[in-house]
Amino acid sequence: MRKVTKVSTLIMASMLVLGSHAAFAADKTGTTDGWCHGDGTMMNKKDGRGHHNMFDGVNLTEQQRQQMRDLMRQSRQGQPRMDMADREAMHKLVTADKFDEAAVRAQAEKMSKDQIDRQVEMAKVRNQMFNLLTPEQKAVLNQKHQQRIEKMQQAPAPAVEQPASAQK
């Protein structure tokens, strides 16, 4: 039973990695032009509910917006997309007649490493974007960040549902 729990946890973790990458990839498919409002504030290209962009609420100059678009284009060109062969390999391992924990673990670790590499690259780009800001803009960004952190800390923790098989 303990092995099943560990394996389930590993599979769920790898699926979360895949899901977070899918959201990240969706953000990168268009141009960054969709991130800017006409008033110069940054906004995520999505509808804005439940998801924020690092630069939400920061007024940017046209030059800053252009520099940020250029940084995003450069990062997209240098960064490979998620390897579909990895996803297919994981699918084959999950749907195999006989479960191979070592192979799943190795595949999940490879996919996690790739995800970490992508996150490090995006953090580097965000740092470059942050350093384009004036001290006043940095202060606004830090204030907005602190407000989001406080709001998240005040939010109730989501309830963890028990699988139907565990309730018996």
C-alpha atoms as a PDB file:
ATOM      1  CA  MET A   1       0.000   0.000   0.000  1.00  0.00           C
ATOM      2  CA  ARG A   2       2.842   2.345   0.839  1.00  0.00           C
ATOM      3  CA  LYS A   3       4.424   1.821  -2.597  1.00  0.00           C
ATOM      4  CA  VAL A   4       1.120   2.619  -4.275  1.00  0.00           C
ATOM      5  CA  THR A   5       0.903   5.881  -2.333  1.00  0.00           C
ATOM      6  CA  LYS A   6       4.461   6.844  -3.255  1.00  0.00           C
ATOM      7  CA  VAL A   7       3.880   5.991  -6.892  1.00  0.00           C
ATOM      8  CA  SER A   8       0.595   7.901  -6.925  1.00  0.00           C
ATOM      9  CA  THR A   9       2.345  10.890  -5.412  1.00  0.00           C
ATOM     10  CA  LEU A  10       5.112  10.686  -7.996  1.00  0.00           C
ATOM     11  CA  ILE A  11       2.652  10.467 -10.866  1.00  0.00           C
ATOM     12  CA  MET A  12       0.622  13.376  -9.504  1.00  0.00           C
ATOM     13  CA  ALA A  13       3.784  15.453  -9.097  1.00  0.00           C
ATOM     14  CA  SER A  14       4.821  14.762 -12.670  1.00  0.00           C
ATOM     15  CA  MET A  15       1.348  15.671 -13.909  1.00  0.00           C
ATOM     16  CA  LEU A  16       1.528  18.946 -11.966  1.00  0.00           C
ATOM     17  CA  VAL A  17       4.841  19.669 -13.633  1.00  0.00           C
ATOM     18  CA  LEU A  18       3.270  18.950 -17.005  1.00  0.00           C
ATOM     19  CA  GLY A  19       0.266  21.108 -16.214  1.00  0.00           C
ATOM     20  CA  SER A  20       2.327  24.032 -15.007  1.00  0.00           C
ATOM     21  CA  HIS A  21       4.451  23.812 -18.115  1.00  0.00           C
ATOM     22  CA  ALA A  22       1.361  23.759 -20.310  1.00  0.00           C
ATOM     23  CA  ALA A  23       0.191  26.988 -18.675  1.00  0.00           C
ATOM     24  CA  PHE A  24       3.661  28.474 -19.102  1.00  0.00           C
ATOM     25  CA  ALA A  25       3.776  27.405 -22.760  1.00  0.00           C
ATOM     26  CA  ALA A  26       0.356  28.918 -23.360  1.00  0.00           C
ATOM     27  CA  ASP A  27       1.647  32.231 -22.033  1.00  0.00           C
ATOM     28  CA  LYS A  28       4.595  32.055 -24.416  1.00  0.00           C
ATOM     29  CA  THR A  29       2.734  31.238 -27.613  1.00  0.00           C
ATOM     30  CA  GLY A  30       1.643  34.776 -28.423  1.00  0.00           C
ATOM     31  CA  THR A  31       3.512  38.024 -28.436  1.00  0.00           C
ATOM     32  CA  THR A  32       3.977  39.989 -25.257  1.00  0.00           C
ATOM     33  CA  ASP A  33       1.932  42.770 -26.829  1.00  0.00           C
ATOM     34  CA  GLY A  34      -1.111  41.207 -25.167  1.00  0.00           C
ATOM     35  CA  TRP A  35       0.403  41.883 -21.758  1.00  0.00           C
ATOM     36  CA  CYS A  36       0.164  45.657 -22.026  1.00  0.00           C
ATOM     37  CA  HIS A  37      -2.908  47.772 -21.510  1.00  0.00           C
ATOM     38  CA  GLY A  38      -3.267  51.018 -23.387  1.00  0.00           C
ATOM     39  CA  ASP A  39      -2.534  52.913 -20.164  1.00  0.00           C
ATOM     40  CA  GLY A  40       0.911  51.300 -19.898  1.00  0.00           C
ATOM     41  CA  THR A  41       0.119  48.842 -17.103  1.00  0.00           C
ATOM     42  CA  MET A  42       1.157  45.254 -17.517  1.00  0.00           C
ATOM     43  CA  MET A  43      -1.468  42.528 -17.437  1.00  0.00           C
ATOM     44  CA  ASN A  44      -1.431  38.838 -18.189  1.00  0.00           C
ATOM     45  CA  LYS A  45      -2.878  37.983 -21.605  1.00  0.00           C
ATOM     46  CA  LYS A  46      -5.460  35.748 -19.948  1.00  0.00           C
ATOM     47  CA  ASP A  47      -8.619  37.240 -18.501  1.00  0.00           C
ATOM     48  CA  GLY A  48      -6.746  38.102 -15.311  1.00  0.00           C
ATOM     49  CA  ARG A  49      -8.893  36.076 -12.902  1.00  0.00           C
ATOM     50  CA  GLY A  50      -6.946  33.903 -10.497  1.00  0.00           C
ATOM     51  CA  HIS A  51      -3.634  34.473 -12.244  1.00  0.00           C
ATOM     52  CA  HIS A  52      -1.337  37.443 -12.117  1.00  0.00           C
ATOM     53  CA  ASN A  53       1.645  38.726 -13.971  1.00  0.00           C
ATOM     54  CA  MET A  54       4.689  39.957 -12.111  1.00  0.00           C
ATOM     55  CA  PHE A  55       4.189  43.460 -13.517  1.00  0.00           C
ATOM     56  CA  ASP A  56       0.440  43.877 -12.873  1.00  0.00           C
ATOM     57  CA  GLY A  57      -0.310  47.409 -11.744  1.00  0.00           C
ATOM     58  CA  VAL A  58       3.073  48.868 -12.726  1.00  0.00           C
ATOM     59  CA  ASN A  59       2.914  51.752 -15.196  1.00  0.00           C
ATOM     60  CA  LEU A  60       5.527  51.283 -17.894  1.00  0.00           C
ATOM     61  CA  THR A  61       6.850  53.569 -20.568  1.00  0.00           C
ATOM     62  CA  GLU A  62       6.587  52.532 -24.201  1.00  0.00           C
ATOM     63  CA  GLN A  63      10.358  52.012 -24.252  1.00  0.00           C
ATOM     64  CA  GLN A  64      10.176  49.661 -21.246  1.00  0.00           C
ATOM     65  CA  ARG A  65       7.340  47.693 -22.820  1.00  0.00           C
ATOM     66  CA  GLN A  66       9.334  47.324 -26.033  1.00  0.00           C
ATOM     67  CA  GLN A  67      12.431  46.204 -24.126  1.00  0.00           C
ATOM     68  CA  MET A  68      10.352  43.612 -22.266  1.00  0.00           C
ATOM     69  CA  ARG A  69       8.824  42.343 -25.501  1.00  0.00           C
ATOM     70  CA  ASP A  70      12.328  42.026 -26.944  1.00  0.00           C
ATOM     71  CA  LEU A  71      13.526  40.076 -23.896  1.00  0.00           C
ATOM     72  CA  MET A  72      10.558  37.689 -24.179  1.00  0.00           C
ATOM     73  CA  ARG A  73      11.164  37.135 -27.893  1.00  0.00           C
ATOM     74  CA  GLN A  74      14.830  36.399 -27.256  1.00  0.00           C
ATOM     75  CA  SER A  75      14.002  33.941 -24.477  1.00  0.00           C
ATOM     76  CA  ARG A  76      11.401  32.148 -26.623  1.00  0.00           C
ATOM     77  CA  GLN A  77      13.912  31.714 -29.441  1.00  0.00           C
ATOM     78  CA  GLY A  78      16.540  30.212 -27.151  1.00  0.00           C
ATOM     79  CA  GLN A  79      14.264  27.960 -25.156  1.00  0.00           C
ATOM     80  CA  PRO A  80      13.104  24.602 -26.481  1.00  0.00           C
ATOM     81  CA  ARG A  81       9.474  23.632 -26.127  1.00  0.00           C
ATOM     82  CA  MET A  82       8.508  20.820 -23.843  1.00  0.00           C
ATOM     83  CA  ASP A  83       9.649  17.545 -25.301  1.00  0.00           C
ATOM     84  CA  MET A  84       6.590  15.656 -26.509  1.00  0.00           C
ATOM     85  CA  ALA A  85       8.664  12.471 -26.514  1.00  0.00           C
ATOM     86  CA  ASP A  86       8.982  12.844 -22.735  1.00  0.00           C
ATOM     87  CA  ARG A  87       5.226  13.155 -22.321  1.00  0.00           C
ATOM     88  CA  GLU A  88       4.681  10.167 -24.578  1.00  0.00           C
ATOM     89  CA  ALA A  89       7.254   8.115 -22.655  1.00  0.00           C
ATOM     90  CA  MET A  90       5.510   8.934 -19.364  1.00  0.00           C
ATOM     91  CA  HIS A  91       2.153   8.007 -20.866  1.00  0.00           C
ATOM     92  CA  LYS A  92       3.516   4.641 -21.990  1.00  0.00           C
ATOM     93  CA  LEU A  93       4.930   3.982 -18.524  1.00  0.00           C
ATOM     94  CA  VAL A  94       1.647   4.876 -16.833  1.00  0.00           C
ATOM     95  CA  THR A  95      -0.433   2.735 -19.192  1.00  0.00           C
ATOM     96  CA  ALA A  96       1.924  -0.267 -19.263  1.00  0.00           C
ATOM     97  CA  ASP A  97       0.639  -3.683 -18.217  1.00  0.00           C
ATOM     98  CA  LYS A  98       3.319  -3.920 -15.545  1.00  0.00           C
ATOM     99  CA  PHE A  99       4.312  -0.854 -13.535  1.00  0.00           C
ATOM    100  CA  ASP A 100       8.028   0.009 -13.566  1.00  0.00           C
ATOM    101  CA  GLU A 101       8.622   2.379 -10.662  1.00  0.00           C
ATOM    102  CA  ALA A 102      12.304   2.927 -11.486  1.00  0.00           C
ATOM    103  CA  ALA A 103      11.507   3.905 -15.077  1.00  0.00           C
ATOM    104  CA  VAL A 104       8.697   6.249 -13.977  1.00  0.00           C
ATOM    105  CA  ARG A 105      10.969   7.814 -11.376  1.00  0.00           C
ATOM    106  CA  ALA A 106      13.748   8.339 -13.930  1.00  0.00           C
ATOM    107  CA  GLN A 107      11.324   9.831 -16.462  1.00  0.00           C
ATOM    108  CA  ALA A 108       9.737  12.094 -13.829  1.00  0.00           C
ATOM    109  CA  GLU A 109      13.164  13.269 -12.675  1.00  0.00           C
ATOM    110  CA  LYS A 110      14.202  14.050 -16.247  1.00  0.00           C
ATOM    111  CA  MET A 111      10.993  15.985 -16.861  1.00  0.00           C
ATOM    112  CA  SER A 112      11.357  17.810 -13.536  1.00  0.00           C
ATOM    113  CA  LYS A 113      14.930  18.806 -14.384  1.00  0.00           C
ATOM    114  CA  ASP A 114      13.779  20.175 -17.744  1.00  0.00           C
ATOM    115  CA  GLN A 115      11.003  22.117 -15.986  1.00  0.00           C
ATOM    116  CA  ILE A 116      13.497  23.538 -13.506  1.00  0.00           C
ATOM    117  CA  ASP A 117      15.743  24.632 -16.384  1.00  0.00           C
ATOM    118  CA  ARG A 118      12.789  26.432 -17.998  1.00  0.00           C
ATOM    119  CA  GLN A 119      11.857  28.100 -14.721  1.00  0.00           C
ATOM    120  CA  VAL A 120      15.427  29.273 -14.165  1.00  0.00           C
ATOM    121  CA  GLU A 121      15.489  30.780 -17.657  1.00  0.00           C
ATOM    122  CA  MET A 122      12.183  32.571 -17.058  1.00  0.00           C
ATOM    123  CA  ALA A 123      13.438  33.861 -13.687  1.00  0.00           C
ATOM    124  CA  LYS A 124      16.492  35.228 -15.478  1.00  0.00           C
ATOM    125  CA  VAL A 125      14.283  37.037 -18.006  1.00  0.00           C
ATOM    126  CA  ARG A 126      12.028  38.399 -15.242  1.00  0.00           C
ATOM    127  CA  ASN A 127      15.122  39.654 -13.422  1.00  0.00           C
ATOM    128  CA  GLN A 128      16.247  41.447 -16.585  1.00  0.00           C
ATOM    129  CA  MET A 129      12.750  42.955 -16.883  1.00  0.00           C
ATOM    130  CA  PHE A 130      12.763  43.983 -13.218  1.00  0.00           C
ATOM    131  CA  ASN A 131      16.072  45.761 -13.734  1.00  0.00           C
ATOM    132  CA  LEU A 132      14.503  47.842 -16.524  1.00  0.00           C
ATOM    133  CA  LEU A 133      12.239  49.490 -13.929  1.00  0.00           C
ATOM    134  CA  THR A 134      12.851  52.785 -12.201  1.00  0.00           C
ATOM    135  CA  PRO A 135      13.234  52.777  -8.394  1.00  0.00           C
ATOM    136  CA  GLU A 136       9.643  54.068  -8.092  1.00  0.00           C
ATOM    137  CA  GLN A 137       8.309  51.286 -10.320  1.00  0.00           C
ATOM    138  CA  LYS A 138      10.277  48.719  -8.322  1.00  0.00           C
ATOM    139  CA  ALA A 139       8.687  50.058  -5.129  1.00  0.00           C
ATOM    140  CA  VAL A 140       5.192  49.708  -6.649  1.00  0.00           C
ATOM    141  CA  LEU A 141       5.983  46.188  -7.837  1.00  0.00           C
ATOM    142  CA  ASN A 142       7.271  45.178  -4.400  1.00  0.00           C
ATOM    143  CA  GLN A 143       4.211  46.709  -2.729  1.00  0.00           C
ATOM    144  CA  LYS A 144       1.847  44.801  -5.076  1.00  0.00           C
ATOM    145  CA  HIS A 145       3.799  41.603  -4.425  1.00  0.00           C
ATOM    146  CA  GLN A 146       3.486  42.077  -0.662  1.00  0.00           C
ATOM    147  CA  GLN A 147      -0.270  42.661  -1.027  1.00  0.00           C
ATOM    148  CA  ARG A 148      -0.652  39.417  -3.015  1.00  0.00           C
ATOM    149  CA  ILE A 149       1.356  37.499  -0.395  1.00  0.00           C
ATOM    150  CA  GLU A 150      -0.790  38.872   2.427  1.00  0.00           C
ATOM    151  CA  LYS A 151      -3.973  38.038   0.511  1.00  0.00           C
ATOM    152  CA  MET A 152      -2.774  34.461  -0.083  1.00  0.00           C
ATOM    153  CA  GLN A 153      -1.894  34.064   3.608  1.00  0.00           C
ATOM    154  CA  GLN A 154      -5.394  35.180   4.594  1.00  0.00           C
ATOM    155  CA  ALA A 155      -7.128  32.831   2.172  1.00  0.00           C
ATOM    156  CA  PRO A 156      -8.426  29.607   3.698  1.00  0.00           C
ATOM    157  CA  ALA A 157      -6.518  26.470   2.798  1.00  0.00           C
ATOM    158  CA  PRO A 158      -8.249  24.368   0.138  1.00  0.00           C
ATOM    159  CA  ALA A 159      -9.955  21.248   1.448  1.00  0.00           C
ATOM    160  CA  VAL A 160      -8.203  18.015   0.543  1.00  0.00           C
ATOM    161  CA  GLU A 161     -10.634  15.481  -0.790  1.00  0.00           C
ATOM    162  CA  GLN A 162     -10.205  11.819  -0.014  1.00  0.00           C
ATOM    163  CA  PRO A 163     -10.346   9.459  -3.007  1.00  0.00           C
ATOM    164  CA  ALA A 164     -13.462   7.282  -3.042  1.00  0.00           C
ATOM    165  CA  SER A 165     -11.328   4.161  -2.539  1.00  0.00           C
ATOM    166  CA  ALA A 166      -9.845   5.615   0.687  1.00  0.00           C
ATOM    167  CA  GLN A 167     -13.268   6.397   2.187  1.00  0.00           C
ATOM    168  CA  LYS A 168     -14.329   2.721   2.386  1.00  0.00           C
END
